[in-house]
Amino acid sequence: MKNAKTLFGAALSLALAMLCSAALAQAPKEAPPPPPPPGAAEPPATSVVVPSQAQSPRDTAGTEVLENPYGIEALWKQGDFVARGTLIILIIMSIGTWYIGIVKYIEQARLFKDWREAEAKFWAAKSVNDGMAQLREDSAFRFMAEEGAIAVKDHSAMPKQQLDLNTWLAMTLDRAVDVVNNPLQTGLAFLATVGSTAPFVGLFGTVWGIYHALTAIGIAGQASIDKVAGPVGEALIMTALGLAVAVPAVLGYNWLVRRNRVAMENVRRFGSGLQMTLLGGGHTPHKVAKAA
């Protein structure tokens, strides 16, 4: 019985000692400040502002700007002369494509407007000369009418008319149609070239970017994401730019060729009607072809 009490007392003493050591471990190391003396003003309370997780360091600083290290600006700054040259070529192709597309559309719209004016005014006139006077001076259809009238005068002034008037007039109007058609065809070859070569120019930039990625891996000795992200991003940007330049060029080329074909059909119909009128056969009205 005595031994049991002794053991119980020892266990109780050990438990109290453990509780005291745990309490001392959890207590703060610095002693609390002493209370202010009676009558003294209390110090102002200080508050600590903890930024929330949704608030980024850029928002708290206000002036810090984080730049994208894998964008087009980084491609221009970090790229070598090959990457910059490829980018410049794609930019020139894109500017040329949009410039030619807009200019060709304006020329075609003007030609369609001249066609509608000729259908409304020229064929309603009493003579070819009166019809020419009602058309604009720079109108393609007025140019054809003038060439036809000059051809009739030249044929009548020939001492030996080895060619009949029909053949002579047809040859003259064919040359006039070619003169009208040539300006419409200029620039289309550039669009076709851009549409066929821009993807390969972008592919060249892609291959060059992959080469830089492999070089970075070989120098670093490990394929970490920070070593290959820049060159691979450069390669993907080049591919996207090549497609962005080629697609508008191909679509614009097909659309402009279609409109050119419709416009030249109207010009040839006007030429055939003009030929019959100058030969004295009168004009056969045609259905107006609409632009695509």
Protein backbone atom coordinates (compact mmCIF):
# COMPACT_ATOMS: atom_id res chain seq x y z
CA MET A 1 0.00 0.00 0.00
CA LYS A 2 2.80 2.37 0.91
CA ASN A 3 4.61 1.53 -2.33
CA ALA A 4 1.48 2.23 -4.33
CA LYS A 5 1.11 5.67 -2.78
CA THR A 6 4.75 6.38 -3.48
CA LEU A 7 4.37 5.44 -7.14
CA PHE A 8 1.17 7.49 -7.46
CA GLY A 9 2.91 10.54 -5.98
CA ALA A 10 5.85 10.14 -8.34
CA ALA A 11 3.54 9.88 -11.37
CA LEU A 12 1.62 12.95 -10.27
CA SER A 13 4.82 14.93 -9.82
CA LEU A 14 6.03 13.88 -13.29
CA ALA A 15 2.71 14.93 -14.89
CA LEU A 16 2.85 18.33 -13.18
CA ALA A 17 6.41 18.82 -14.37
CA MET A 18 5.44 18.01 -17.98
CA LEU A 19 2.50 20.45 -17.86
CA CYS A 20 4.72 23.22 -16.55
CA SER A 21 7.34 22.65 -19.27
CA ALA A 22 4.65 22.70 -21.97
CA ALA A 23 3.22 25.94 -20.63
CA LEU A 24 6.64 27.54 -20.59
CA ALA A 25 7.28 26.46 -24.19
CA GLN A 26 4.04 28.02 -25.46
CA ALA A 27 4.54 31.29 -23.61
CA PRO A 28 6.00 34.22 -25.64
CA LYS A 29 9.69 34.84 -25.28
CA GLU A 30 9.32 38.63 -24.86
CA ALA A 31 7.78 39.88 -21.70
CA PRO A 32 4.69 42.02 -22.08
CA PRO A 33 5.27 45.75 -21.77
CA PRO A 34 4.66 47.19 -18.33
CA PRO A 35 1.38 48.96 -17.82
CA PRO A 36 1.51 52.73 -18.24
CA PRO A 37 1.69 54.78 -15.09
CA PRO A 38 -1.50 56.31 -13.84
CA GLY A 39 -2.45 59.50 -15.66
CA ALA A 40 -0.28 58.86 -18.75
CA ALA A 41 -1.83 58.87 -22.25
CA GLU A 42 -2.27 55.51 -23.86
CA PRO A 43 -0.12 54.92 -26.97
CA PRO A 44 -2.04 54.71 -30.28
CA ALA A 45 -2.87 51.24 -31.43
CA THR A 46 -0.95 50.05 -34.48
CA SER A 47 -2.59 47.94 -37.11
CA VAL A 48 -0.91 45.61 -39.54
CA VAL A 49 -2.41 45.43 -43.03
CA VAL A 50 -2.08 42.01 -44.59
CA PRO A 51 -2.69 42.02 -48.34
CA SER A 52 -5.27 39.55 -49.51
CA GLN A 53 -4.40 36.70 -51.83
CA ALA A 54 -6.36 38.26 -54.69
CA GLN A 55 -4.29 41.47 -54.50
CA SER A 56 -1.12 41.15 -56.53
CA PRO A 57 2.20 42.89 -55.77
CA ARG A 58 1.65 45.01 -58.89
CA ASP A 59 -1.59 46.39 -57.42
CA THR A 60 -0.01 47.24 -54.05
CA ALA A 61 3.03 48.89 -55.60
CA GLY A 62 1.02 50.82 -58.17
CA THR A 63 3.99 51.57 -60.45
CA GLU A 64 5.42 48.11 -61.06
CA VAL A 65 4.58 46.74 -64.53
CA LEU A 66 4.99 43.07 -65.37
CA GLU A 67 5.98 42.46 -69.00
CA ASN A 68 5.27 39.32 -70.98
CA PRO A 69 8.64 37.67 -71.70
CA TYR A 70 7.17 35.54 -74.48
CA GLY A 71 5.21 38.08 -76.58
CA ILE A 72 5.94 39.75 -79.91
CA GLU A 73 7.83 42.57 -78.20
CA ALA A 74 10.08 40.05 -76.48
CA LEU A 75 10.52 38.25 -79.80
CA TRP A 76 11.81 41.45 -81.38
CA LYS A 77 14.09 42.34 -78.45
CA GLN A 78 15.53 38.88 -77.84
CA GLY A 79 15.56 37.59 -81.42
CA ASP A 80 18.63 37.66 -83.65
CA PHE A 81 18.88 39.17 -87.12
CA VAL A 82 17.32 36.07 -88.74
CA ALA A 83 14.22 36.20 -86.53
CA ARG A 84 13.88 39.95 -87.00
CA GLY A 85 14.36 39.67 -90.75
CA THR A 86 11.68 36.99 -90.95
CA LEU A 87 9.30 39.16 -88.93
CA ILE A 88 9.97 42.18 -91.17
CA ILE A 89 9.29 40.11 -94.30
CA LEU A 90 5.95 38.94 -92.91
CA ILE A 91 5.00 42.51 -91.98
CA ILE A 92 5.84 43.75 -95.49
CA MET A 93 3.78 40.94 -97.01
CA SER A 94 0.81 41.78 -94.80
CA ILE A 95 0.95 45.52 -95.56
CA GLY A 96 1.28 44.87 -99.29
CA THR A 97 -1.63 42.44 -99.24
CA TRP A 98 -4.04 44.85 -97.57
CA TYR A 99 -2.87 47.80 -99.67
CA ILE A 100 -3.31 45.96 -102.98
CA GLY A 101 -6.66 44.54 -101.88
CA ILE A 102 -8.07 47.96 -101.00
CA VAL A 103 -6.71 49.62 -104.16
CA LYS A 104 -8.02 46.85 -106.44
CA TYR A 105 -11.44 47.01 -104.79
CA ILE A 106 -11.62 50.77 -105.41
CA GLU A 107 -10.63 50.30 -109.07
CA GLN A 108 -13.23 47.59 -109.59
CA ALA A 109 -15.93 49.64 -107.87
CA ARG A 110 -15.15 52.55 -110.17
CA LEU A 111 -15.34 50.31 -113.23
CA PHE A 112 -18.72 48.93 -112.15
CA LYS A 113 -19.95 52.48 -111.60
CA ASP A 114 -18.79 53.44 -115.11
CA TRP A 115 -20.59 50.42 -116.51
CA ARG A 116 -23.86 51.41 -114.90
CA GLU A 117 -23.41 54.98 -116.16
CA ALA A 118 -22.74 53.76 -119.70
CA GLU A 119 -25.82 51.52 -119.63
CA ALA A 120 -27.99 54.42 -118.45
CA LYS A 121 -26.60 57.27 -120.59
CA PHE A 122 -24.54 56.05 -123.54
CA TRP A 123 -27.09 53.80 -125.18
CA ALA A 124 -29.84 56.36 -124.66
CA ALA A 125 -27.95 58.99 -126.68
CA LYS A 126 -28.76 59.69 -130.35
CA SER A 127 -25.21 59.08 -131.59
CA VAL A 128 -21.89 57.72 -130.43
CA ASN A 129 -20.44 61.20 -130.06
CA ASP A 130 -23.37 62.34 -127.93
CA GLY A 131 -23.02 59.23 -125.79
CA MET A 132 -19.31 59.84 -125.25
CA ALA A 133 -19.98 63.40 -124.13
CA GLN A 134 -22.24 62.16 -121.31
CA LEU A 135 -19.58 59.87 -119.81
CA ARG A 136 -16.77 60.88 -117.50
CA GLU A 137 -13.47 61.82 -119.11
CA ASP A 138 -11.53 59.07 -117.32
CA SER A 139 -14.21 56.45 -117.89
CA ALA A 140 -13.00 53.19 -119.44
CA PHE A 141 -16.14 52.99 -121.58
CA ARG A 142 -15.64 56.49 -122.96
CA PHE A 143 -12.08 55.46 -123.86
CA MET A 144 -13.41 52.46 -125.79
CA ALA A 145 -16.01 54.57 -127.59
CA GLU A 146 -13.36 57.11 -128.58
CA GLU A 147 -11.06 54.36 -129.86
CA GLY A 148 -13.93 52.91 -131.90
CA ALA A 149 -14.81 56.27 -133.45
CA ILE A 150 -11.14 56.93 -134.31
CA ALA A 151 -10.87 53.46 -135.87
CA VAL A 152 -13.84 54.21 -138.18
CA LYS A 153 -12.24 57.48 -139.30
CA ASP A 154 -8.86 55.85 -139.88
CA HIS A 155 -10.42 53.05 -141.90
CA SER A 156 -12.29 55.48 -144.14
CA ALA A 157 -9.09 57.48 -144.71
CA MET A 158 -7.07 54.47 -145.86
CA PRO A 159 -6.14 54.66 -149.56
CA LYS A 160 -6.31 50.87 -149.88
CA GLN A 161 -8.75 49.24 -147.51
CA GLN A 162 -7.19 45.79 -147.42
CA LEU A 163 -9.17 44.96 -144.25
CA ASP A 164 -12.90 45.34 -143.99
CA LEU A 165 -14.34 47.68 -141.38
CA ASN A 166 -15.62 44.83 -139.20
CA THR A 167 -12.18 43.24 -138.82
CA TRP A 168 -10.44 46.56 -138.37
CA LEU A 169 -12.93 47.66 -135.71
CA ALA A 170 -12.75 44.33 -133.90
CA MET A 171 -8.96 44.53 -133.68
CA THR A 172 -9.14 48.10 -132.35
CA LEU A 173 -11.71 47.28 -129.69
CA ASP A 174 -9.77 44.18 -128.62
CA ARG A 175 -6.73 46.36 -127.99
CA ALA A 176 -8.91 48.79 -126.02
CA VAL A 177 -10.23 45.92 -123.89
CA ASP A 178 -6.66 44.84 -123.14
CA VAL A 179 -5.79 48.38 -122.09
CA VAL A 180 -8.71 48.36 -119.65
CA ASN A 181 -7.86 44.89 -118.37
CA ASN A 182 -4.14 45.42 -117.71
CA PRO A 183 -4.52 47.78 -114.71
CA LEU A 184 -6.99 45.39 -113.10
CA GLN A 185 -4.46 42.55 -113.23
CA THR A 186 -1.59 44.45 -111.63
CA GLY A 187 -0.95 43.41 -108.04
CA LEU A 188 -2.78 40.09 -108.23
CA ALA A 189 0.50 38.26 -108.80
CA PHE A 190 1.77 39.69 -105.50
CA LEU A 191 -1.28 38.36 -103.68
CA ALA A 192 -0.79 34.92 -105.23
CA THR A 193 2.89 34.96 -104.24
CA VAL A 194 2.13 35.96 -100.66
CA GLY A 195 -0.60 33.36 -100.33
CA SER A 196 1.73 30.59 -101.46
CA THR A 197 4.95 31.63 -99.71
CA ALA A 198 3.88 33.23 -96.40
CA PRO A 199 3.24 29.86 -94.66
CA PHE A 200 6.74 28.72 -95.61
CA VAL A 201 8.27 31.97 -94.36
CA GLY A 202 6.49 31.41 -91.05
CA LEU A 203 7.67 27.79 -91.08
CA PHE A 204 11.24 29.00 -91.50
CA GLY A 205 10.80 31.14 -88.40
CA THR A 206 9.38 28.11 -86.60
CA VAL A 207 12.38 25.98 -87.48
CA TRP A 208 14.72 28.75 -86.37
CA GLY A 209 12.91 29.04 -83.02
CA ILE A 210 13.14 25.27 -82.44
CA TYR A 211 16.85 25.47 -83.23
CA HIS A 212 17.22 28.09 -80.51
CA ALA A 213 15.29 25.85 -78.09
CA LEU A 214 17.61 22.91 -78.76
CA THR A 215 20.62 25.18 -78.36
CA ALA A 216 19.34 26.42 -75.00
CA ILE A 217 18.79 22.84 -73.84
CA GLY A 218 22.30 21.85 -74.90
CA ILE A 219 23.91 24.80 -73.09
CA ALA A 220 21.87 24.35 -69.91
CA GLY A 221 22.24 20.58 -69.89
CA GLN A 222 18.59 20.12 -68.89
CA ALA A 223 15.25 20.55 -70.60
CA SER A 224 13.66 22.89 -68.07
CA ILE A 225 10.63 24.92 -69.05
CA ASP A 226 12.36 28.26 -68.48
CA LYS A 227 15.05 27.35 -71.01
CA VAL A 228 12.77 26.32 -73.85
CA ALA A 229 9.66 28.46 -73.29
CA GLY A 230 11.09 31.52 -75.04
CA PRO A 231 12.37 29.84 -78.23
CA VAL A 232 9.31 27.59 -78.51
CA GLY A 233 7.04 30.62 -78.05
CA GLU A 234 9.01 32.38 -80.79
CA ALA A 235 8.45 29.41 -83.09
CA LEU A 236 4.71 29.34 -82.44
CA ILE A 237 4.41 33.10 -83.01
CA MET A 238 6.16 32.77 -86.38
CA THR A 239 3.80 29.99 -87.42
CA ALA A 240 0.75 32.03 -86.45
CA LEU A 241 2.03 35.12 -88.26
CA GLY A 242 2.69 33.14 -91.43
CA LEU A 243 -0.87 31.84 -91.46
CA ALA A 244 -2.29 35.26 -90.59
CA VAL A 245 -0.55 36.75 -93.62
CA ALA A 246 -1.33 33.92 -96.06
CA VAL A 247 -5.05 33.48 -95.40
CA PRO A 248 -6.13 37.08 -96.27
CA ALA A 249 -3.90 36.99 -99.36
CA VAL A 250 -5.51 33.81 -100.69
CA LEU A 251 -9.06 34.93 -99.93
CA GLY A 252 -8.44 38.38 -101.39
CA TYR A 253 -6.89 36.95 -104.54
CA ASN A 254 -9.82 34.64 -105.25
CA TRP A 255 -12.37 37.36 -104.54
CA LEU A 256 -10.64 39.98 -106.72
CA VAL A 257 -10.17 37.55 -109.60
CA ARG A 258 -13.88 36.77 -109.50
CA ARG A 259 -14.79 40.47 -109.58
CA ASN A 260 -12.31 41.10 -112.41
CA ARG A 261 -13.93 38.40 -114.50
CA VAL A 262 -17.38 39.92 -114.02
CA ALA A 263 -16.09 43.43 -114.78
CA MET A 264 -14.35 42.33 -117.98
CA GLU A 265 -17.48 40.53 -119.15
CA ASN A 266 -19.28 43.86 -118.89
CA VAL A 267 -16.48 45.60 -120.81
CA ARG A 268 -16.55 43.02 -123.61
CA ARG A 269 -20.33 43.26 -123.87
CA PHE A 270 -20.06 47.02 -124.21
CA GLY A 271 -17.39 46.53 -126.88
CA SER A 272 -19.53 44.15 -128.89
CA GLY A 273 -22.51 46.53 -128.71
CA LEU A 274 -20.28 49.44 -129.70
CA GLN A 275 -18.96 47.48 -132.65
CA MET A 276 -22.44 46.71 -133.93
CA THR A 277 -23.49 50.33 -133.45
CA LEU A 278 -20.51 51.67 -135.39
CA LEU A 279 -21.16 49.17 -138.17
CA GLY A 280 -24.74 50.40 -138.38
CA GLY A 281 -26.39 47.33 -136.94
CA GLY A 282 -27.67 48.93 -133.75
CA HIS A 283 -27.17 47.94 -130.14
CA THR A 284 -28.48 44.73 -128.64
CA PRO A 285 -29.10 45.26 -124.90
CA HIS A 286 -27.48 42.79 -122.54
CA LYS A 287 -28.30 41.84 -119.00
CA VAL A 288 -26.15 43.69 -116.52
CA ALA A 289 -23.75 41.39 -114.67
CA LYS A 290 -23.50 42.08 -110.96
CA ALA A 291 -20.30 42.06 -109.00
CA ALA A 292 -19.63 39.11 -106.76
